[in-house]
Amino acid sequence: MLAGLSAFAYSFFLTRLLTGVHMHYMIIERFRDGNPLPVYRRFREQGRLAPEGLRDVTSWVTEDLGCCFQVMECEDPQLLTQWT
């Protein structure tokens, strides 16, 4: 069943299986004026600012630091709406 899955897809499968969480959300953030510094400063000073129950699964940025991809999980979609 797992043959042919990428490492990324496999990690999602295991997370879902082990935690029982069934919803993952992909957040795509494009930095204003292509400048990630204000976002990273805020993150360093205040953390992710996500509501209780919204969990970060993984995240990565493009090589040019112009865009950030975040995979979040939660059982209540309202938490995601509250955060974004």
N, C-alpha and C. Protein backbone atom coordinates (compact mmCIF):
# COMPACT_ATOMS: atom_id res chain seq x y z
N MET A 1 0.82 -1.19 0.00
CA MET A 1 0.00 0.00 0.00
C MET A 1 0.86 1.26 0.00
N LEU A 2 2.00 1.24 0.67
CA LEU A 2 2.83 2.43 0.78
C LEU A 2 3.91 2.51 -0.30
N ALA A 3 4.03 1.47 -1.11
CA ALA A 3 5.05 1.48 -2.15
C ALA A 3 4.83 2.64 -3.10
N GLY A 4 5.89 3.31 -3.45
CA GLY A 4 5.80 4.41 -4.41
C GLY A 4 5.50 5.76 -3.79
N LEU A 5 5.26 5.83 -2.49
CA LEU A 5 5.01 7.12 -1.84
C LEU A 5 6.32 7.86 -1.62
N SER A 6 6.31 9.16 -1.82
CA SER A 6 7.49 9.96 -1.49
C SER A 6 7.65 9.99 0.02
N ALA A 7 8.81 10.39 0.48
CA ALA A 7 9.05 10.49 1.93
C ALA A 7 8.07 11.47 2.55
N PHE A 8 7.76 12.54 1.83
CA PHE A 8 6.83 13.56 2.32
C PHE A 8 5.43 12.96 2.48
N ALA A 9 4.95 12.25 1.46
CA ALA A 9 3.62 11.64 1.51
C ALA A 9 3.59 10.56 2.60
N TYR A 10 4.67 9.82 2.73
CA TYR A 10 4.74 8.79 3.75
C TYR A 10 4.64 9.40 5.15
N SER A 11 5.31 10.55 5.38
CA SER A 11 5.24 11.18 6.70
C SER A 11 3.82 11.65 7.01
N PHE A 12 3.10 12.15 5.98
CA PHE A 12 1.70 12.54 6.18
C PHE A 12 0.86 11.32 6.55
N PHE A 13 1.08 10.22 5.85
CA PHE A 13 0.33 9.01 6.12
C PHE A 13 0.55 8.56 7.57
N LEU A 14 1.81 8.55 8.00
CA LEU A 14 2.12 8.12 9.37
C LEU A 14 1.53 9.08 10.40
N THR A 15 1.62 10.38 10.14
CA THR A 15 1.05 11.36 11.07
C THR A 15 -0.43 11.13 11.24
N ARG A 16 -1.12 10.94 10.14
CA ARG A 16 -2.56 10.71 10.19
C ARG A 16 -2.88 9.42 10.92
N LEU A 17 -2.14 8.40 10.62
CA LEU A 17 -2.37 7.10 11.24
C LEU A 17 -2.12 7.15 12.75
N LEU A 18 -1.05 7.78 13.16
CA LEU A 18 -0.67 7.79 14.57
C LEU A 18 -1.45 8.78 15.41
N THR A 19 -1.85 9.90 14.83
CA THR A 19 -2.53 10.92 15.62
C THR A 19 -4.04 10.87 15.50
N GLY A 20 -4.55 10.24 14.46
CA GLY A 20 -5.99 10.20 14.27
C GLY A 20 -6.54 11.48 13.67
N VAL A 21 -5.66 12.44 13.36
CA VAL A 21 -6.10 13.69 12.75
C VAL A 21 -6.28 13.45 11.26
N HIS A 22 -7.40 13.90 10.75
CA HIS A 22 -7.72 13.60 9.36
C HIS A 22 -7.62 14.79 8.42
N MET A 23 -7.44 15.99 8.93
CA MET A 23 -7.40 17.15 8.04
C MET A 23 -6.07 17.88 8.13
N HIS A 24 -5.44 17.98 6.97
CA HIS A 24 -4.23 18.79 6.83
C HIS A 24 -4.58 19.93 5.89
N TYR A 25 -3.99 21.08 6.14
CA TYR A 25 -4.25 22.26 5.32
C TYR A 25 -2.92 22.83 4.84
N MET A 26 -2.86 23.15 3.55
CA MET A 26 -1.67 23.76 2.98
C MET A 26 -1.87 25.26 2.94
N ILE A 27 -0.99 25.99 3.58
CA ILE A 27 -1.01 27.44 3.58
C ILE A 27 0.13 27.90 2.70
N ILE A 28 -0.17 28.75 1.74
CA ILE A 28 0.85 29.31 0.86
C ILE A 28 0.92 30.80 1.13
N GLU A 29 2.06 31.23 1.63
CA GLU A 29 2.23 32.64 1.99
C GLU A 29 3.26 33.28 1.07
N ARG A 30 2.84 34.33 0.39
CA ARG A 30 3.76 35.12 -0.42
C ARG A 30 4.09 36.37 0.38
N PHE A 31 5.37 36.60 0.59
CA PHE A 31 5.78 37.71 1.43
C PHE A 31 5.56 39.04 0.72
N ARG A 32 5.04 39.99 1.46
CA ARG A 32 4.78 41.33 0.92
C ARG A 32 6.08 41.92 0.37
N ASP A 33 6.02 42.39 -0.86
CA ASP A 33 7.19 42.95 -1.56
C ASP A 33 8.33 41.94 -1.64
N GLY A 34 8.01 40.65 -1.51
CA GLY A 34 9.04 39.61 -1.57
C GLY A 34 10.01 39.65 -0.41
N ASN A 35 9.63 40.32 0.68
CA ASN A 35 10.52 40.51 1.82
C ASN A 35 10.06 39.67 3.02
N PRO A 36 10.77 38.59 3.33
CA PRO A 36 10.36 37.74 4.45
C PRO A 36 10.79 38.27 5.83
N LEU A 37 11.64 39.28 5.88
CA LEU A 37 12.20 39.72 7.17
C LEU A 37 11.15 40.11 8.21
N PRO A 38 10.11 40.91 7.87
CA PRO A 38 9.12 41.25 8.90
C PRO A 38 8.43 40.02 9.49
N VAL A 39 8.15 39.05 8.65
CA VAL A 39 7.47 37.83 9.12
C VAL A 39 8.40 37.03 10.05
N TYR A 40 9.65 36.89 9.65
CA TYR A 40 10.60 36.13 10.48
C TYR A 40 10.90 36.85 11.79
N ARG A 41 10.95 38.18 11.77
CA ARG A 41 11.15 38.94 13.02
C ARG A 41 9.98 38.70 13.98
N ARG A 42 8.76 38.82 13.44
CA ARG A 42 7.58 38.60 14.28
C ARG A 42 7.57 37.18 14.84
N PHE A 43 7.91 36.21 13.99
CA PHE A 43 7.94 34.82 14.43
C PHE A 43 8.97 34.63 15.55
N ARG A 44 10.15 35.22 15.39
CA ARG A 44 11.20 35.09 16.40
C ARG A 44 10.76 35.72 17.73
N GLU A 45 10.07 36.87 17.64
CA GLU A 45 9.68 37.60 18.84
C GLU A 45 8.41 37.05 19.50
N GLN A 46 7.45 36.58 18.68
CA GLN A 46 6.13 36.23 19.22
C GLN A 46 5.71 34.79 18.98
N GLY A 47 6.48 34.04 18.21
CA GLY A 47 6.09 32.68 17.88
C GLY A 47 5.10 32.65 16.71
N ARG A 48 4.49 31.50 16.50
CA ARG A 48 3.62 31.32 15.34
C ARG A 48 2.27 32.02 15.50
N LEU A 49 1.87 32.31 16.72
CA LEU A 49 0.60 32.99 17.01
C LEU A 49 -0.61 32.17 16.59
N ALA A 50 -0.46 30.87 16.54
CA ALA A 50 -1.57 29.99 16.17
C ALA A 50 -2.44 29.71 17.39
N PRO A 51 -3.75 29.62 17.20
CA PRO A 51 -4.63 29.30 18.33
C PRO A 51 -4.40 27.87 18.82
N GLU A 52 -4.73 27.63 20.07
CA GLU A 52 -4.63 26.29 20.67
C GLU A 52 -5.41 25.29 19.81
N GLY A 53 -4.76 24.18 19.45
CA GLY A 53 -5.42 23.16 18.66
C GLY A 53 -5.02 23.17 17.19
N LEU A 54 -4.38 24.24 16.74
CA LEU A 54 -3.86 24.32 15.37
C LEU A 54 -2.38 24.00 15.44
N ARG A 55 -1.98 22.91 14.77
CA ARG A 55 -0.62 22.43 14.89
C ARG A 55 0.14 22.53 13.57
N ASP A 56 1.40 22.87 13.68
CA ASP A 56 2.30 22.95 12.54
C ASP A 56 2.84 21.55 12.26
N VAL A 57 2.66 21.07 11.03
CA VAL A 57 3.18 19.76 10.66
C VAL A 57 4.57 19.92 10.05
N THR A 58 4.68 20.80 9.08
CA THR A 58 5.96 21.08 8.42
C THR A 58 5.84 22.38 7.65
N SER A 59 6.97 22.95 7.33
CA SER A 59 6.97 24.16 6.50
C SER A 59 8.30 24.26 5.78
N TRP A 60 8.29 24.99 4.68
CA TRP A 60 9.51 25.23 3.92
C TRP A 60 9.32 26.49 3.10
N VAL A 61 10.42 27.07 2.67
CA VAL A 61 10.38 28.28 1.85
C VAL A 61 11.07 28.00 0.52
N THR A 62 10.71 28.81 -0.47
CA THR A 62 11.38 28.68 -1.75
C THR A 62 12.82 29.15 -1.61
N GLU A 63 13.65 28.74 -2.55
CA GLU A 63 15.06 29.07 -2.49
C GLU A 63 15.32 30.58 -2.44
N ASP A 64 14.47 31.35 -3.11
CA ASP A 64 14.65 32.81 -3.13
C ASP A 64 13.98 33.50 -1.93
N LEU A 65 13.41 32.72 -1.01
CA LEU A 65 12.72 33.21 0.19
C LEU A 65 11.50 34.07 -0.12
N GLY A 66 10.93 33.91 -1.30
CA GLY A 66 9.78 34.71 -1.69
C GLY A 66 8.44 34.11 -1.28
N CYS A 67 8.43 32.82 -0.95
CA CYS A 67 7.17 32.15 -0.67
C CYS A 67 7.40 31.07 0.40
N CYS A 68 6.44 30.95 1.30
CA CYS A 68 6.52 29.95 2.36
C CYS A 68 5.32 29.00 2.24
N PHE A 69 5.58 27.72 2.35
CA PHE A 69 4.54 26.70 2.34
C PHE A 69 4.46 26.11 3.74
N GLN A 70 3.27 26.04 4.29
CA GLN A 70 3.08 25.50 5.63
C GLN A 70 1.97 24.46 5.60
N VAL A 71 2.21 23.33 6.21
CA VAL A 71 1.18 22.32 6.36
C VAL A 71 0.75 22.34 7.82
N MET A 72 -0.52 22.60 8.03
CA MET A 72 -1.08 22.70 9.37
C MET A 72 -2.14 21.61 9.54
N GLU A 73 -2.41 21.23 10.78
CA GLU A 73 -3.47 20.25 11.03
C GLU A 73 -4.32 20.72 12.20
N CYS A 74 -5.59 20.37 12.12
CA CYS A 74 -6.51 20.68 13.22
C CYS A 74 -7.79 19.89 12.99
N GLU A 75 -8.54 19.76 14.04
CA GLU A 75 -9.82 19.07 13.95
C GLU A 75 -10.96 20.04 13.69
N ASP A 76 -10.76 21.31 14.02
CA ASP A 76 -11.78 22.34 13.84
C ASP A 76 -11.29 23.37 12.82
N PRO A 77 -11.86 23.40 11.61
CA PRO A 77 -11.42 24.34 10.57
C PRO A 77 -11.53 25.81 10.98
N GLN A 78 -12.35 26.11 11.97
CA GLN A 78 -12.46 27.49 12.45
C GLN A 78 -11.14 27.99 13.01
N LEU A 79 -10.33 27.10 13.55
CA LEU A 79 -9.02 27.48 14.08
C LEU A 79 -8.13 28.01 12.97
N LEU A 80 -8.21 27.38 11.82
CA LEU A 80 -7.43 27.82 10.67
C LEU A 80 -7.90 29.19 10.20
N THR A 81 -9.20 29.37 10.14
CA THR A 81 -9.77 30.66 9.75
C THR A 81 -9.35 31.75 10.73
N GLN A 82 -9.37 31.43 11.99
CA GLN A 82 -8.97 32.37 13.03
C GLN A 82 -7.51 32.79 12.87
N TRP A 83 -6.66 31.87 12.49
CA TRP A 83 -5.22 32.11 12.39
C TRP A 83 -4.85 32.90 11.14
N THR A 84 -5.54 32.60 10.03
CA THR A 84 -5.20 33.29 8.79
C THR A 84 -6.00 34.53 8.73
